[in-house]
Amino acid sequence: MGPHLVPKRVYYTIIAALLVLTAVTVIVAFIDLGPFNNLIAMTIAVAKATLVVLYFMHVRYSGKLTWVFAGAGFVWLIILFVFLLNDYLTREAWSNLLTGHL
């Protein structure tokens, strides 16, 4: 299987999309949407990361084995976030339990 040649137009389109998404992130940061600011920012970040992985890391044009390993990376990332949120959300409860302040 030879290298897949991607037209430059695709890269320019992806760069333009990344720049637009970055501008949207900055604009949304200055608008007070309450708790939705973080949600929107994270959604845009995930979209940008997906574009980078698919096109600049050539996963889109790779074989199924590459898709499996890329997917495994996302699964591990989700596990990391679950452990991180578990630690963050229960930290105060553990601190109160250990110090005796219930």
Foldseek 3Di string as FASTA:
>chain_A
DDDDDDDVVLVVVLVVVLVVLVVVLVVLVPDDPDPCNVVSNVVSVVVNVVSCCVPVVVLVVDDPVSVVVVVVVVVVVVVVVVVVVVCVVCVVVVVCVVVVND
